[in-house]
Amino acid sequence: WYRQAPGNERELVATITSDGSTNYGNSVKGRFTISRDNAKNT
């Protein structure tokens, strides 16, 4: 997930890999959680 506010560059929110490893943007760490459900393709 990435986000973009007017006038700003698109920035990282969070990523998740197939092995479950996650990475978060500094501004959302501790507040946002990314997950994936392969069965639902979501």
Full PDB file with SEQRES, HELIX, SHEET, SSBOND, CRYST1, ORIGX, SCALE, CONECT and MASTER records, all heavy atoms in Angstrom:
SEQRES   1 A   42  TRP TYR ARG GLN ALA PRO GLY ASN GLU ARG GLU LEU VAL          
SEQRES   2 A   42  ALA THR ILE THR SER ASP GLY SER THR ASN TYR GLY ASN          
SEQRES   3 A   42  SER VAL LYS GLY ARG PHE THR ILE SER ARG ASP ASN ALA          
SEQRES   4 A   42  LYS ASN THR                                                  
HELIX    1 AA1 ASN A   38  LYS A   40  5                                   3    
SHEET    1 AA1 2 TYR A   2  ARG A   3  0                                        
SHEET    2 AA1 2 GLU A  11  LEU A  12 -1                                        
SHEET    1 AA2 2 ALA A  14  ILE A  16  0                                        
SHEET    2 AA2 2 THR A  22  TYR A  24 -1                                        
CRYST1    1.000    1.000    1.000  90.00  90.00  90.00 P 1           1          
ORIGX1      1.000000  0.000000  0.000000        0.00000                         
ORIGX2      0.000000  1.000000  0.000000        0.00000                         
ORIGX3      0.000000  0.000000  1.000000        0.00000                         
SCALE1      1.000000  0.000000  0.000000        0.00000                         
SCALE2      0.000000  1.000000  0.000000        0.00000                         
SCALE3      0.000000  0.000000  1.000000        0.00000                         
ATOM      1  N   TRP A   1       0.837  -1.181   0.000  1.00  0.00           N  
ATOM      2  CA  TRP A   1       0.000   0.000   0.000  1.00  0.00           C  
ATOM      3  C   TRP A   1       0.878   1.240   0.000  1.00  0.00           C  
ATOM      4  O   TRP A   1       1.871   1.304   0.746  1.00  0.00           O  
ATOM      5  CB  TRP A   1      -0.920   0.044   1.228  1.00  0.00           C  
ATOM      6  CG  TRP A   1      -2.038  -0.938   1.190  1.00  0.00           C  
ATOM      7  CD1 TRP A   1      -2.057  -2.185   1.717  1.00  0.00           C  
ATOM      8  CD2 TRP A   1      -3.321  -0.744   0.576  1.00  0.00           C  
ATOM      9  NE1 TRP A   1      -3.268  -2.789   1.485  1.00  0.00           N  
ATOM     10  CE2 TRP A   1      -4.060  -1.924   0.785  1.00  0.00           C  
ATOM     11  CE3 TRP A   1      -3.911   0.311  -0.118  1.00  0.00           C  
ATOM     12  CZ2 TRP A   1      -5.364  -2.085   0.322  1.00  0.00           C  
ATOM     13  CZ3 TRP A   1      -5.206   0.156  -0.585  1.00  0.00           C  
ATOM     14  CH2 TRP A   1      -5.916  -1.027  -0.362  1.00  0.00           C  
ATOM     15  N   TYR A   2       0.505   2.189  -0.820  1.00  0.00           N  
ATOM     16  CA  TYR A   2       1.172   3.477  -0.894  1.00  0.00           C  
ATOM     17  C   TYR A   2       0.114   4.560  -0.833  1.00  0.00           C  
ATOM     18  O   TYR A   2      -1.064   4.310  -1.081  1.00  0.00           O  
ATOM     19  CB  TYR A   2       1.988   3.592  -2.188  1.00  0.00           C  
ATOM     20  CG  TYR A   2       3.155   2.633  -2.246  1.00  0.00           C  
ATOM     21  CD1 TYR A   2       2.956   1.270  -2.471  1.00  0.00           C  
ATOM     22  CD2 TYR A   2       4.464   3.083  -2.060  1.00  0.00           C  
ATOM     23  CE1 TYR A   2       4.018   0.385  -2.510  1.00  0.00           C  
ATOM     24  CE2 TYR A   2       5.529   2.202  -2.098  1.00  0.00           C  
ATOM     25  CZ  TYR A   2       5.301   0.866  -2.324  1.00  0.00           C  
ATOM     26  OH  TYR A   2       6.359  -0.016  -2.361  1.00  0.00           O  
ATOM     27  N   ARG A   3       0.523   5.759  -0.510  1.00  0.00           N  
ATOM     28  CA  ARG A   3      -0.442   6.850  -0.448  1.00  0.00           C  
ATOM     29  C   ARG A   3       0.153   8.119  -1.033  1.00  0.00           C  
ATOM     30  O   ARG A   3       1.366   8.303  -1.077  1.00  0.00           O  
ATOM     31  CB  ARG A   3      -0.901   7.094   0.995  1.00  0.00           C  
ATOM     32  CG  ARG A   3       0.171   7.644   1.922  1.00  0.00           C  
ATOM     33  CD  ARG A   3      -0.334   7.677   3.356  1.00  0.00           C  
ATOM     34  NE  ARG A   3       0.619   8.295   4.264  1.00  0.00           N  
ATOM     35  CZ  ARG A   3       0.477   8.343   5.577  1.00  0.00           C  
ATOM     36  NH1 ARG A   3      -0.591   7.795   6.155  1.00  0.00           N  
ATOM     37  NH2 ARG A   3       1.402   8.935   6.324  1.00  0.00           N  
ATOM     38  N   GLN A   4      -0.739   8.998  -1.461  1.00  0.00           N  
ATOM     39  CA  GLN A   4      -0.324  10.254  -2.052  1.00  0.00           C  
ATOM     40  C   GLN A   4      -1.312  11.350  -1.692  1.00  0.00           C  
ATOM     41  O   GLN A   4      -2.503  11.241  -1.972  1.00  0.00           O  
ATOM     42  CB  GLN A   4      -0.203  10.132  -3.571  1.00  0.00           C  
ATOM     43  CG  GLN A   4       0.391  11.343  -4.250  1.00  0.00           C  
ATOM     44  CD  GLN A   4       0.771  11.069  -5.692  1.00  0.00           C  
ATOM     45  OE1 GLN A   4       0.213  10.176  -6.327  1.00  0.00           O  
ATOM     46  NE2 GLN A   4       1.730  11.816  -6.204  1.00  0.00           N  
ATOM     47  N   ALA A   5      -0.808  12.393  -1.063  1.00  0.00           N  
ATOM     48  CA  ALA A   5      -1.596  13.575  -0.753  1.00  0.00           C  
ATOM     49  C   ALA A   5      -1.320  14.638  -1.811  1.00  0.00           C  
ATOM     50  O   ALA A   5      -0.271  14.613  -2.458  1.00  0.00           O  
ATOM     51  CB  ALA A   5      -1.240  14.097   0.635  1.00  0.00           C  
ATOM     52  N   PRO A   6      -2.237  15.579  -2.013  1.00  0.00           N  
ATOM     53  CA  PRO A   6      -2.028  16.620  -3.027  1.00  0.00           C  
ATOM     54  C   PRO A   6      -0.708  17.352  -2.839  1.00  0.00           C  
ATOM     55  O   PRO A   6      -0.381  17.796  -1.739  1.00  0.00           O  
ATOM     56  CB  PRO A   6      -3.214  17.557  -2.812  1.00  0.00           C  
ATOM     57  CG  PRO A   6      -4.279  16.676  -2.255  1.00  0.00           C  
ATOM     58  CD  PRO A   6      -3.553  15.711  -1.364  1.00  0.00           C  
ATOM     59  N   GLY A   7       0.066  17.451  -3.914  1.00  0.00           N  
ATOM     60  CA  GLY A   7       1.346  18.137  -3.865  1.00  0.00           C  
ATOM     61  C   GLY A   7       2.495  17.310  -3.337  1.00  0.00           C  
ATOM     62  O   GLY A   7       3.641  17.774  -3.351  1.00  0.00           O  
ATOM     63  N   ASN A   8       2.215  16.115  -2.864  1.00  0.00           N  
ATOM     64  CA  ASN A   8       3.254  15.250  -2.311  1.00  0.00           C  
ATOM     65  C   ASN A   8       3.573  14.088  -3.243  1.00  0.00           C  
ATOM     66  O   ASN A   8       2.785  13.724  -4.110  1.00  0.00           O  
ATOM     67  CB  ASN A   8       2.822  14.694  -0.957  1.00  0.00           C  
ATOM     68  CG  ASN A   8       2.734  15.757   0.120  1.00  0.00           C  
ATOM     69  OD1 ASN A   8       3.068  16.921  -0.102  1.00  0.00           O  
ATOM     70  ND2 ASN A   8       2.279  15.356   1.303  1.00  0.00           N  
ATOM     71  N   GLU A   9       4.743  13.504  -3.036  1.00  0.00           N  
ATOM     72  CA  GLU A   9       5.107  12.304  -3.765  1.00  0.00           C  
ATOM     73  C   GLU A   9       4.395  11.107  -3.162  1.00  0.00           C  
ATOM     74  O   GLU A   9       4.014  11.114  -1.992  1.00  0.00           O  
ATOM     75  CB  GLU A   9       6.619  12.080  -3.717  1.00  0.00           C  
ATOM     76  CG  GLU A   9       7.439  13.136  -4.429  1.00  0.00           C  
ATOM     77  CD  GLU A   9       8.923  12.806  -4.426  1.00  0.00           C  
ATOM     78  OE1 GLU A   9       9.296  11.713  -3.942  1.00  0.00           O  
ATOM     79  OE2 GLU A   9       9.700  13.632  -4.913  1.00  0.00           O  
ATOM     80  N   ARG A  10       4.223  10.098  -3.969  1.00  0.00           N  
ATOM     81  CA  ARG A  10       3.648   8.870  -3.461  1.00  0.00           C  
ATOM     82  C   ARG A  10       4.629   8.220  -2.489  1.00  0.00           C  
ATOM     83  O   ARG A  10       5.813   8.075  -2.801  1.00  0.00           O  
ATOM     84  CB  ARG A  10       3.327   7.933  -4.623  1.00  0.00           C  
ATOM     85  CG  ARG A  10       2.484   6.728  -4.238  1.00  0.00           C  
ATOM     86  CD  ARG A  10       1.952   6.004  -5.472  1.00  0.00           C  
ATOM     87  NE  ARG A  10       1.043   6.839  -6.245  1.00  0.00           N  
ATOM     88  CZ  ARG A  10       0.342   6.417  -7.297  1.00  0.00           C  
ATOM     89  NH1 ARG A  10       0.444   5.157  -7.698  1.00  0.00           N  
ATOM     90  NH2 ARG A  10      -0.449   7.256  -7.947  1.00  0.00           N  
ATOM     91  N   GLU A  11       4.139   7.848  -1.315  1.00  0.00           N  
ATOM     92  CA  GLU A  11       5.011   7.316  -0.292  1.00  0.00           C  
ATOM     93  C   GLU A  11       4.566   5.937   0.173  1.00  0.00           C  
ATOM     94  O   GLU A  11       3.395   5.574   0.099  1.00  0.00           O  
ATOM     95  CB  GLU A  11       5.089   8.261   0.911  1.00  0.00           C  
ATOM     96  CG  GLU A  11       3.786   8.410   1.674  1.00  0.00           C  
ATOM     97  CD  GLU A  11       3.921   9.242   2.937  1.00  0.00           C  
ATOM     98  OE1 GLU A  11       5.063   9.527   3.351  1.00  0.00           O  
ATOM     99  OE2 GLU A  11       2.878   9.615   3.518  1.00  0.00           O  
ATOM    100  N   LEU A  12       5.527   5.204   0.679  1.00  0.00           N  
ATOM    101  CA  LEU A  12       5.269   3.864   1.193  1.00  0.00           C  
ATOM    102  C   LEU A  12       4.404   3.911   2.439  1.00  0.00           C  
ATOM    103  O   LEU A  12       4.659   4.672   3.367  1.00  0.00           O  
ATOM    104  CB  LEU A  12       6.596   3.177   1.528  1.00  0.00           C  
ATOM    105  CG  LEU A  12       6.508   1.880   2.342  1.00  0.00           C  
ATOM    106  CD1 LEU A  12       5.933   0.756   1.483  1.00  0.00           C  
ATOM    107  CD2 LEU A  12       7.877   1.501   2.890  1.00  0.00           C  
ATOM    108  N   VAL A  13       3.376   3.070   2.457  1.00  0.00           N  
ATOM    109  CA  VAL A  13       2.613   2.805   3.668  1.00  0.00           C  
ATOM    110  C   VAL A  13       3.095   1.493   4.269  1.00  0.00           C  
ATOM    111  O   VAL A  13       3.568   1.446   5.401  1.00  0.00           O  
ATOM    112  CB  VAL A  13       1.100   2.749   3.386  1.00  0.00           C  
ATOM    113  CG1 VAL A  13       0.337   2.333   4.639  1.00  0.00           C  
ATOM    114  CG2 VAL A  13       0.603   4.095   2.882  1.00  0.00           C  
ATOM    115  N   ALA A  14       2.989   0.416   3.496  1.00  0.00           N  
ATOM    116  CA  ALA A  14       3.412  -0.893   3.978  1.00  0.00           C  
ATOM    117  C   ALA A  14       3.532  -1.858   2.813  1.00  0.00           C  
ATOM    118  O   ALA A  14       2.843  -1.719   1.803  1.00  0.00           O  
ATOM    119  CB  ALA A  14       2.422  -1.445   5.006  1.00  0.00           C  
ATOM    120  N   THR A  15       4.404  -2.837   2.959  1.00  0.00           N  
ATOM    121  CA  THR A  15       4.493  -3.938   2.007  1.00  0.00           C  
ATOM    122  C   THR A  15       4.523  -5.251   2.769  1.00  0.00           C  
ATOM    123  O   THR A  15       4.892  -5.301   3.943  1.00  0.00           O  
ATOM    124  CB  THR A  15       5.746  -3.860   1.116  1.00  0.00           C  
ATOM    125  OG1 THR A  15       6.926  -3.900   1.924  1.00  0.00           O  
ATOM    126  CG2 THR A  15       5.736  -2.589   0.275  1.00  0.00           C  
ATOM    127  N   ILE A  16       4.133  -6.304   2.076  1.00  0.00           N  
ATOM    128  CA  ILE A  16       4.204  -7.643   2.642  1.00  0.00           C  
ATOM    129  C   ILE A  16       4.645  -8.601   1.551  1.00  0.00           C  
ATOM    130  O   ILE A  16       4.180  -8.530   0.413  1.00  0.00           O  
ATOM    131  CB  ILE A  16       2.856  -8.072   3.273  1.00  0.00           C  
ATOM    132  CG1 ILE A  16       2.989  -9.434   3.962  1.00  0.00           C  
ATOM    133  CG2 ILE A  16       1.736  -8.075   2.229  1.00  0.00           C  
ATOM    134  CD1 ILE A  16       1.801  -9.773   4.860  1.00  0.00           C  
ATOM    135  N   THR A  17       5.563  -9.496   1.879  1.00  0.00           N  
ATOM    136  CA  THR A  17       6.078 -10.458   0.922  1.00  0.00           C  
ATOM    137  C   THR A  17       5.374 -11.792   1.085  1.00  0.00           C  
ATOM    138  O   THR A  17       4.607 -12.018   2.024  1.00  0.00           O  
ATOM    139  CB  THR A  17       7.590 -10.653   1.091  1.00  0.00           C  
ATOM    140  OG1 THR A  17       7.854 -11.239   2.377  1.00  0.00           O  
ATOM    141  CG2 THR A  17       8.324  -9.322   0.983  1.00  0.00           C  
ATOM    142  N   SER A  18       5.648 -12.705   0.154  1.00  0.00           N  
ATOM    143  CA  SER A  18       5.009 -14.011   0.171  1.00  0.00           C  
ATOM    144  C   SER A  18       5.376 -14.823   1.406  1.00  0.00           C  
ATOM    145  O   SER A  18       4.629 -15.721   1.795  1.00  0.00           O  
ATOM    146  CB  SER A  18       5.352 -14.793  -1.094  1.00  0.00           C  
ATOM    147  OG  SER A  18       6.753 -14.939  -1.241  1.00  0.00           O  
ATOM    148  N   ASP A  19       6.519 -14.529   2.018  1.00  0.00           N  
ATOM    149  CA  ASP A  19       6.920 -15.251   3.220  1.00  0.00           C  
ATOM    150  C   ASP A  19       6.456 -14.559   4.499  1.00  0.00           C  
ATOM    151  O   ASP A  19       6.800 -14.979   5.603  1.00  0.00           O  
ATOM    152  CB  ASP A  19       8.430 -15.476   3.254  1.00  0.00           C  
ATOM    153  CG  ASP A  19       9.234 -14.194   3.357  1.00  0.00           C  
ATOM    154  OD1 ASP A  19       8.640 -13.104   3.438  1.00  0.00           O  
ATOM    155  OD2 ASP A  19      10.478 -14.286   3.359  1.00  0.00           O  
ATOM    156  N   GLY A  20       5.675 -13.486   4.349  1.00  0.00           N  
ATOM    157  CA  GLY A  20       5.110 -12.815   5.497  1.00  0.00           C  
ATOM    158  C   GLY A  20       5.910 -11.663   6.043  1.00  0.00           C  
ATOM    159  O   GLY A  20       5.497 -11.031   7.029  1.00  0.00           O  
ATOM    160  N   SER A  21       7.038 -11.370   5.440  1.00  0.00           N  
ATOM    161  CA  SER A  21       7.847 -10.254   5.895  1.00  0.00           C  
ATOM    162  C   SER A  21       7.152  -8.932   5.575  1.00  0.00           C  
ATOM    163  O   SER A  21       6.625  -8.752   4.484  1.00  0.00           O  
ATOM    164  CB  SER A  21       9.219 -10.293   5.234  1.00  0.00           C  
ATOM    165  OG  SER A  21      10.015  -9.201   5.635  1.00  0.00           O  
ATOM    166  N   THR A  22       7.139  -8.020   6.528  1.00  0.00           N  
ATOM    167  CA  THR A  22       6.479  -6.736   6.344  1.00  0.00           C  
ATOM    168  C   THR A  22       7.449  -5.579   6.479  1.00  0.00           C  
ATOM    169  O   THR A  22       8.488  -5.680   7.138  1.00  0.00           O  
ATOM    170  CB  THR A  22       5.335  -6.548   7.353  1.00  0.00           C  
ATOM    171  OG1 THR A  22       5.851  -6.649   8.690  1.00  0.00           O  
ATOM    172  CG2 THR A  22       4.261  -7.607   7.154  1.00  0.00           C  
ATOM    173  N   ASN A  23       7.081  -4.484   5.855  1.00  0.00           N  
ATOM    174  CA  ASN A  23       7.859  -3.263   5.928  1.00  0.00           C  
ATOM    175  C   ASN A  23       6.880  -2.099   5.972  1.00  0.00           C  
ATOM    176  O   ASN A  23       5.905  -2.080   5.218  1.00  0.00           O  
ATOM    177  CB  ASN A  23       8.799  -3.135   4.729  1.00  0.00           C  
ATOM    178  CG  ASN A  23       9.735  -1.952   4.838  1.00  0.00           C  
ATOM    179  OD1 ASN A  23      10.255  -1.673   5.908  1.00  0.00           O  
ATOM    180  ND2 ASN A  23       9.961  -1.258   3.732  1.00  0.00           N  
ATOM    181  N   TYR A  24       7.138  -1.133   6.856  1.00  0.00           N  
ATOM    182  CA  TYR A  24       6.230  -0.014   7.041  1.00  0.00           C  
ATOM    183  C   TYR A  24       6.946   1.311   6.893  1.00  0.00           C  
ATOM    184  O   TYR A  24       8.123   1.449   7.237  1.00  0.00           O  
ATOM    185  CB  TYR A  24       5.582  -0.060   8.425  1.00  0.00           C  
ATOM    186  CG  TYR A  24       4.671  -1.240   8.645  1.00  0.00           C  
ATOM    187  CD1 TYR A  24       5.157  -2.425   9.181  1.00  0.00           C  
ATOM    188  CD2 TYR A  24       3.319  -1.169   8.309  1.00  0.00           C  
ATOM    189  CE1 TYR A  24       4.325  -3.508   9.383  1.00  0.00           C  
ATOM    190  CE2 TYR A  24       2.476  -2.252   8.509  1.00  0.00           C  
ATOM    191  CZ  TYR A  24       2.985  -3.421   9.047  1.00  0.00           C  
ATOM    192  OH  TYR A  24       2.143  -4.498   9.247  1.00  0.00           O  
ATOM    193  N   GLY A  25       6.207   2.272   6.383  1.00  0.00           N  
ATOM    194  CA  GLY A  25       6.722   3.619   6.381  1.00  0.00           C  
ATOM    195  C   GLY A  25       6.840   4.126   7.810  1.00  0.00           C  
ATOM    196  O   GLY A  25       6.061   3.745   8.684  1.00  0.00           O  
ATOM    197  N   ASN A  26       7.811   4.987   8.045  1.00  0.00           N  
ATOM    198  CA  ASN A  26       8.070   5.461   9.402  1.00  0.00           C  
ATOM    199  C   ASN A  26       6.853   6.149  10.035  1.00  0.00           C  
ATOM    200  O   ASN A  26       6.627   6.027  11.239  1.00  0.00           O  
ATOM    201  CB  ASN A  26       9.256   6.422   9.412  1.00  0.00           C  
ATOM    202  CG  ASN A  26      10.577   5.726   9.167  1.00  0.00           C  
ATOM    203  OD1 ASN A  26      10.733   4.547   9.477  1.00  0.00           O  
ATOM    204  ND2 ASN A  26      11.536   6.451   8.616  1.00  0.00           N  
ATOM    205  N   SER A  27       6.084   6.837   9.241  1.00  0.00           N  
ATOM    206  CA  SER A  27       4.968   7.596   9.776  1.00  0.00           C  
ATOM    207  C   SER A  27       3.788   6.735  10.219  1.00  0.00           C  
ATOM    208  O   SER A  27       2.895   7.227  10.911  1.00  0.00           O  
ATOM    209  CB  SER A  27       4.484   8.632   8.751  1.00  0.00           C  
ATOM    210  OG  SER A  27       3.997   7.999   7.585  1.00  0.00           O  
ATOM    211  N   VAL A  28       3.775   5.460   9.829  1.00  0.00           N  
ATOM    212  CA  VAL A  28       2.639   4.603  10.166  1.00  0.00           C  
ATOM    213  C   VAL A  28       3.015   3.440  11.065  1.00  0.00           C  
ATOM    214  O   VAL A  28       2.136   2.680  11.488  1.00  0.00           O  
ATOM    215  CB  VAL A  28       1.929   4.066   8.904  1.00  0.00           C  
ATOM    216  CG1 VAL A  28       1.570   5.208   7.962  1.00  0.00           C  
ATOM    217  CG2 VAL A  28       2.794   3.034   8.185  1.00  0.00           C  
ATOM    218  N   LYS A  29       4.288   3.287  11.379  1.00  0.00           N  
ATOM    219  CA  LYS A  29       4.735   2.184  12.227  1.00  0.00           C  
ATOM    220  C   LYS A  29       4.036   2.221  13.581  1.00  0.00           C  
ATOM    221  O   LYS A  29       3.939   3.269  14.214  1.00  0.00           O  
ATOM    222  CB  LYS A  29       6.250   2.239  12.429  1.00  0.00           C  
ATOM    223  CG  LYS A  29       7.048   1.865  11.201  1.00  0.00           C  
ATOM    224  CD  LYS A  29       8.545   1.928  11.473  1.00  0.00           C  
ATOM    225  CE  LYS A  29       9.344   1.519  10.242  1.00  0.00           C  
ATOM    226  NZ  LYS A  29      10.803   1.635  10.467  1.00  0.00           N  
ATOM    227  N   GLY A  30       3.548   1.062  13.990  1.00  0.00           N  
ATOM    228  CA  GLY A  30       2.853   0.953  15.255  1.00  0.00           C  
ATOM    229  C   GLY A  30       1.379   1.251  15.174  1.00  0.00           C  
ATOM    230  O   GLY A  30       0.639   0.999  16.136  1.00  0.00           O  
ATOM    231  N   ARG A  31       0.922   1.785  14.052  1.00  0.00           N  
ATOM    232  CA  ARG A  31      -0.490   2.135  13.892  1.00  0.00           C  
ATOM    233  C   ARG A  31      -1.182   1.329  12.798  1.00  0.00           C  
ATOM    234  O   ARG A  31      -2.374   1.052  12.907  1.00  0.00           O  
ATOM    235  CB  ARG A  31      -0.643   3.628  13.581  1.00  0.00           C  
ATOM    236  CG  ARG A  31      -0.101   4.539  14.674  1.00  0.00           C  
ATOM    237  CD  ARG A  31      -0.440   6.000  14.398  1.00  0.00           C  
ATOM    238  NE  ARG A  31       0.172   6.479  13.159  1.00  0.00           N  
ATOM    239  CZ  ARG A  31      -0.513   6.965  12.117  1.00  0.00           C  
ATOM    240  NH1 ARG A  31      -1.844   7.036  12.177  1.00  0.00           N  
ATOM    241  NH2 ARG A  31       0.119   7.395  11.039  1.00  0.00           N  
ATOM    242  N   PHE A  32      -0.443   0.972  11.757  1.00  0.00           N  
ATOM    243  CA  PHE A  32      -1.013   0.251  10.620  1.00  0.00           C  
ATOM    244  C   PHE A  32      -0.490  -1.181  10.591  1.00  0.00           C  
ATOM    245  O   PHE A  32       0.652  -1.448  10.987  1.00  0.00           O  
ATOM    246  CB  PHE A  32      -0.634   0.925   9.295  1.00  0.00           C  
ATOM    247  CG  PHE A  32      -1.271   2.271   9.052  1.00  0.00           C  
ATOM    248  CD1 PHE A  32      -1.955   2.947  10.053  1.00  0.00           C  
ATOM    249  CD2 PHE A  32      -1.180   2.853   7.797  1.00  0.00           C  
ATOM    250  CE1 PHE A  32      -2.529   4.184   9.816  1.00  0.00           C  
ATOM    251  CE2 PHE A  32      -1.748   4.086   7.547  1.00  0.00           C  
ATOM    252  CZ  PHE A  32      -2.420   4.756   8.550  1.00  0.00           C  
ATOM    253  N   THR A  33      -1.315  -2.086  10.088  1.00  0.00           N  
ATOM    254  CA  THR A  33      -0.917  -3.480   9.941  1.00  0.00           C  
ATOM    255  C   THR A  33      -1.353  -3.992   8.575  1.00  0.00           C  
ATOM    256  O   THR A  33      -2.530  -3.917   8.229  1.00  0.00           O  
ATOM    257  CB  THR A  33      -1.539  -4.364  11.034  1.00  0.00           C  
ATOM    258  OG1 THR A  33      -1.165  -3.879  12.329  1.00  0.00           O  
ATOM    259  CG2 THR A  33      -1.049  -5.802  10.887  1.00  0.00           C  
ATOM    260  N   ILE A  34      -0.406  -4.514   7.816  1.00  0.00           N  
ATOM    261  CA  ILE A  34      -0.711  -5.069   6.506  1.00  0.00           C  
ATOM    262  C   ILE A  34      -0.814  -6.588   6.606  1.00  0.00           C  
ATOM    263  O   ILE A  34      -0.116  -7.221   7.399  1.00  0.00           O  
ATOM    264  CB  ILE A  34       0.353  -4.660   5.461  1.00  0.00           C  
ATOM    265  CG1 ILE A  34      -0.094  -5.054   4.050  1.00  0.00           C  
ATOM    266  CG2 ILE A  34       1.714  -5.257   5.799  1.00  0.00           C  
ATOM    267  CD1 ILE A  34       0.796  -4.488   2.946  1.00  0.00           C  
ATOM    268  N   SER A  35      -1.691  -7.164   5.809  1.00  0.00           N  
ATOM    269  CA  SER A  35      -1.846  -8.609   5.762  1.00  0.00           C  
ATOM    270  C   SER A  35      -2.299  -9.021   4.372  1.00  0.00           C  
ATOM    271  O   SER A  35      -2.780  -8.194   3.596  1.00  0.00           O  
ATOM    272  CB  SER A  35      -2.846  -9.101   6.818  1.00  0.00           C  
ATOM    273  OG  SER A  35      -4.128  -8.548   6.597  1.00  0.00           O  
ATOM    274  N   ARG A  36      -2.125 -10.294   4.056  1.00  0.00           N  
ATOM    275  CA  ARG A  36      -2.580 -10.801   2.763  1.00  0.00           C  
ATOM    276  C   ARG A  36      -3.298 -12.118   2.946  1.00  0.00           C  
ATOM    277  O   ARG A  36      -2.932 -12.933   3.804  1.00  0.00           O  
ATOM    278  CB  ARG A  36      -1.420 -10.924   1.762  1.00  0.00           C  
ATOM    279  CG  ARG A  36      -0.357 -11.948   2.113  1.00  0.00           C  
ATOM    280  CD  ARG A  36       0.880 -11.795   1.225  1.00  0.00           C  
ATOM    281  NE  ARG A  36       0.662 -12.245  -0.139  1.00  0.00           N  
ATOM    282  CZ  ARG A  36       1.511 -12.034  -1.145  1.00  0.00           C  
ATOM    283  NH1 ARG A  36       2.625 -11.339  -0.928  1.00  0.00           N  
ATOM    284  NH2 ARG A  36       1.246 -12.491  -2.354  1.00  0.00           N  
ATOM    285  N   ASP A  37      -4.316 -12.330   2.136  1.00  0.00           N  
ATOM    286  CA  ASP A  37      -5.094 -13.550   2.160  1.00  0.00           C  
ATOM    287  C   ASP A  37      -5.045 -14.118   0.748  1.00  0.00           C  
ATOM    288  O   ASP A  37      -5.775 -13.664  -0.133  1.00  0.00           O  
ATOM    289  CB  ASP A  37      -6.530 -13.278   2.601  1.00  0.00           C  
ATOM    290  CG  ASP A  37      -7.339 -14.546   2.803  1.00  0.00           C  
ATOM    291  OD1 ASP A  37      -7.022 -15.577   2.179  1.00  0.00           O  
ATOM    292  OD2 ASP A  37      -8.305 -14.512   3.592  1.00  0.00           O  
ATOM    293  N   ASN A  38      -4.183 -15.088   0.543  1.00  0.00           N  
ATOM    294  CA  ASN A  38      -4.005 -15.649  -0.793  1.00  0.00           C  
ATOM    295  C   ASN A  38      -5.266 -16.337  -1.310  1.00  0.00           C  
ATOM    296  O   ASN A  38      -5.545 -16.309  -2.507  1.00  0.00           O  
ATOM    297  CB  ASN A  38      -2.836 -16.637  -0.800  1.00  0.00           C  
ATOM    298  CG  ASN A  38      -1.497 -15.956  -0.592  1.00  0.00           C  
ATOM    299  OD1 ASN A  38      -1.331 -14.780  -0.915  1.00  0.00           O  
ATOM    300  ND2 ASN A  38      -0.538 -16.687  -0.055  1.00  0.00           N  
ATOM    301  N   ALA A  39      -6.028 -16.962  -0.414  1.00  0.00           N  
ATOM    302  CA  ALA A  39      -7.250 -17.642  -0.821  1.00  0.00           C  
ATOM    303  C   ALA A  39      -8.274 -16.670  -1.387  1.00  0.00           C  
ATOM    304  O   ALA A  39      -9.067 -17.027  -2.259  1.00  0.00           O  
ATOM    305  CB  ALA A  39      -7.846 -18.417   0.352  1.00  0.00           C  
ATOM    306  N   LYS A  40      -8.266 -15.441  -0.888  1.00  0.00           N  
ATOM    307  CA  LYS A  40      -9.194 -14.422  -1.355  1.00  0.00           C  
ATOM    308  C   LYS A  40      -8.557 -13.462  -2.354  1.00  0.00           C  
ATOM    309  O   LYS A  40      -9.208 -12.521  -2.807  1.00  0.00           O  
ATOM    310  CB  LYS A  40      -9.749 -13.627  -0.174  1.00  0.00           C  
ATOM    311  CG  LYS A  40     -10.597 -14.444   0.783  1.00  0.00           C  
ATOM    312  CD  LYS A  40     -11.150 -13.581   1.906  1.00  0.00           C  
ATOM    313  CE  LYS A  40     -12.029 -14.386   2.841  1.00  0.00           C  
ATOM    314  NZ  LYS A  40     -12.570 -13.553   3.946  1.00  0.00           N  
ATOM    315  N   ASN A  41      -7.297 -13.706  -2.669  1.00  0.00           N  
ATOM    316  CA  ASN A  41      -6.560 -12.838  -3.593  1.00  0.00           C  
ATOM    317  C   ASN A  41      -6.648 -11.376  -3.164  1.00  0.00           C  
ATOM    318  O   ASN A  41      -6.845 -10.478  -3.990  1.00  0.00           O  
ATOM    319  CB  ASN A  41      -7.084 -13.002  -5.026  1.00  0.00           C  
ATOM    320  CG  ASN A  41      -6.909 -14.407  -5.547  1.00  0.00           C  
ATOM    321  OD1 ASN A  41      -5.896 -15.053  -5.286  1.00  0.00           O  
ATOM    322  ND2 ASN A  41      -7.889 -14.890  -6.302  1.00  0.00           N  
ATOM    323  N   THR A  42      -6.472 -11.158  -1.883  1.00  0.00           N  
ATOM    324  CA  THR A  42      -6.694  -9.842  -1.313  1.00  0.00           C  
ATOM    325  C   THR A  42      -5.599  -9.468  -0.327  1.00  0.00           C  
ATOM    326  O   THR A  42      -5.110 -10.311   0.426  1.00  0.00           O  
ATOM    327  CB  THR A  42      -8.061  -9.788  -0.609  1.00  0.00           C  
ATOM    328  OG1 THR A  42      -9.100 -10.099  -1.549  1.00  0.00           O  
ATOM    329  CG2 THR A  42      -8.334  -8.408  -0.034  1.00  0.00           C  
TER     330      THR A  42                                                      
MASTER        0    0    0    1    4    0    0    6  329    1    0    4          
END                                                                             
